[in-house]
């Protein structure tokens, strides 16, 4: 029972990180108007 609870917590944390990551990505994309394909993103991150 305890292990299942911990597993659920980890899943929730992963989901939360994913959601925050997507929102942050959308925000950054909107802010810098990167309306190119996805392969522009690594170049943007390394150029940051």
N, C-alpha and C. Protein backbone atom coordinates (compact mmCIF):
# COMPACT_ATOMS: atom_id res chain seq x y z
N UNK A 1 0.83 -1.20 0.00
CA UNK A 1 0.00 0.00 0.00
C UNK A 1 0.87 1.26 0.00
N UNK A 2 1.87 1.25 0.86
CA UNK A 2 2.75 2.41 0.99
C UNK A 2 3.52 2.66 -0.31
N UNK A 3 4.00 1.56 -0.93
CA UNK A 3 4.77 1.67 -2.16
C UNK A 3 3.92 2.26 -3.29
N UNK A 4 2.67 1.85 -3.37
CA UNK A 4 1.75 2.36 -4.40
C UNK A 4 1.55 3.86 -4.24
N UNK A 5 1.47 4.30 -2.99
CA UNK A 5 1.29 5.73 -2.71
C UNK A 5 2.50 6.52 -3.22
N UNK A 6 3.69 5.99 -2.95
CA UNK A 6 4.93 6.65 -3.36
C UNK A 6 5.00 6.71 -4.89
N UNK A 7 4.62 5.61 -5.54
CA UNK A 7 4.61 5.54 -7.00
C UNK A 7 3.68 6.61 -7.58
N UNK A 8 2.51 6.76 -6.97
CA UNK A 8 1.54 7.76 -7.40
C UNK A 8 2.09 9.17 -7.25
N UNK A 9 2.82 9.40 -6.15
CA UNK A 9 3.42 10.71 -5.89
C UNK A 9 4.46 11.04 -6.96
N UNK A 10 5.31 10.06 -7.30
CA UNK A 10 6.33 10.25 -8.34
C UNK A 10 5.67 10.57 -9.67
N UNK A 11 4.62 9.83 -10.00
CA UNK A 11 3.88 10.07 -11.24
C UNK A 11 3.30 11.47 -11.29
N UNK A 12 2.78 11.92 -10.14
CA UNK A 12 2.20 13.26 -10.04
C UNK A 12 3.27 14.33 -10.23
N UNK A 13 4.45 14.12 -9.63
CA UNK A 13 5.57 15.06 -9.77
C UNK A 13 6.02 15.14 -11.23
N UNK A 14 6.14 13.98 -11.88
CA UNK A 14 6.54 13.93 -13.29
C UNK A 14 5.52 14.68 -14.16
N UNK A 15 4.24 14.45 -13.88
CA UNK A 15 3.17 15.13 -14.62
C UNK A 15 3.25 16.64 -14.42
N UNK A 16 3.48 17.05 -13.18
CA UNK A 16 3.60 18.47 -12.85
C UNK A 16 4.77 19.11 -13.59
N UNK A 17 5.92 18.43 -13.59
CA UNK A 17 7.11 18.94 -14.29
C UNK A 17 6.82 19.06 -15.79
N UNK A 18 6.15 18.05 -16.35
CA UNK A 18 5.81 18.07 -17.78
C UNK A 18 4.91 19.26 -18.11
N UNK A 19 3.88 19.46 -17.28
CA UNK A 19 2.94 20.58 -17.51
C UNK A 19 3.66 21.91 -17.41
N UNK A 20 4.49 22.08 -16.37
CA UNK A 20 5.25 23.32 -16.19
C UNK A 20 6.19 23.53 -17.38
N UNK A 21 6.84 22.45 -17.82
CA UNK A 21 7.74 22.53 -18.97
C UNK A 21 7.03 22.98 -20.23
N UNK A 22 5.85 22.43 -20.48
CA UNK A 22 5.06 22.80 -21.67
C UNK A 22 4.63 24.26 -21.59
N UNK A 23 4.15 24.69 -20.43
CA UNK A 23 3.71 26.08 -20.24
C UNK A 23 4.90 27.03 -20.42
N UNK A 24 6.04 26.68 -19.83
CA UNK A 24 7.24 27.50 -19.96
C UNK A 24 7.68 27.58 -21.42
N UNK A 25 7.63 26.45 -22.13
CA UNK A 25 7.99 26.41 -23.55
C UNK A 25 7.07 27.31 -24.38
N UNK A 26 5.78 27.21 -24.14
CA UNK A 26 4.80 28.04 -24.86
C UNK A 26 5.05 29.52 -24.59
N UNK A 27 5.31 29.84 -23.32
CA UNK A 27 5.55 31.23 -22.90
C UNK A 27 6.80 31.78 -23.58
N UNK A 28 7.88 31.00 -23.55
CA UNK A 28 9.15 31.43 -24.18
C UNK A 28 8.96 31.58 -25.68
N UNK A 29 8.26 30.62 -26.29
CA UNK A 29 8.03 30.66 -27.73
C UNK A 29 7.23 31.91 -28.12
N UNK A 30 6.21 32.22 -27.33
CA UNK A 30 5.38 33.40 -27.58
C UNK A 30 6.20 34.68 -27.38
N UNK A 31 6.99 34.69 -26.31
CA UNK A 31 7.77 35.87 -25.94
C UNK A 31 8.81 36.21 -27.01
N UNK A 32 9.50 35.19 -27.51
CA UNK A 32 10.57 35.42 -28.48
C UNK A 32 10.11 35.20 -29.93
N UNK A 33 8.83 34.88 -30.11
CA UNK A 33 8.23 34.70 -31.44
C UNK A 33 9.03 33.72 -32.29
N UNK A 34 9.35 32.57 -31.69
CA UNK A 34 10.04 31.51 -32.44
C UNK A 34 9.00 30.69 -33.19
N UNK A 35 8.55 31.20 -34.32
CA UNK A 35 7.50 30.51 -35.07
C UNK A 35 8.10 29.56 -36.10
N UNK A 36 9.28 29.03 -35.82
CA UNK A 36 9.91 28.03 -36.68
C UNK A 36 9.64 26.64 -36.16
N UNK A 37 10.15 25.61 -36.84
CA UNK A 37 9.96 24.23 -36.39
C UNK A 37 10.69 23.94 -35.08
N UNK A 38 10.47 22.74 -34.56
CA UNK A 38 10.98 22.37 -33.24
C UNK A 38 12.51 22.39 -33.18
N UNK A 39 13.19 22.12 -34.29
CA UNK A 39 14.66 22.05 -34.24
C UNK A 39 15.30 23.42 -34.00
N UNK A 40 14.53 24.49 -33.99
CA UNK A 40 15.05 25.81 -33.61
C UNK A 40 15.28 25.92 -32.10
N UNK A 41 14.57 25.11 -31.33
CA UNK A 41 14.61 25.23 -29.88
C UNK A 41 15.99 24.92 -29.30
N UNK A 42 16.66 23.81 -29.67
CA UNK A 42 18.00 23.57 -29.12
C UNK A 42 18.99 24.68 -29.45
N UNK A 43 18.91 25.24 -30.64
CA UNK A 43 19.77 26.35 -31.03
C UNK A 43 19.50 27.57 -30.16
N UNK A 44 18.22 27.80 -29.85
CA UNK A 44 17.83 28.92 -28.98
C UNK A 44 18.39 28.71 -27.57
N UNK A 45 18.29 27.48 -27.07
CA UNK A 45 18.75 27.18 -25.71
C UNK A 45 20.27 27.34 -25.62
N UNK A 46 21.00 26.85 -26.60
CA UNK A 46 22.46 26.96 -26.58
C UNK A 46 22.90 28.40 -26.81
N UNK A 47 22.10 29.18 -27.52
CA UNK A 47 22.40 30.59 -27.75
C UNK A 47 21.95 31.50 -26.63
N UNK A 48 21.35 30.90 -25.60
CA UNK A 48 20.84 31.65 -24.45
C UNK A 48 22.00 32.05 -23.56
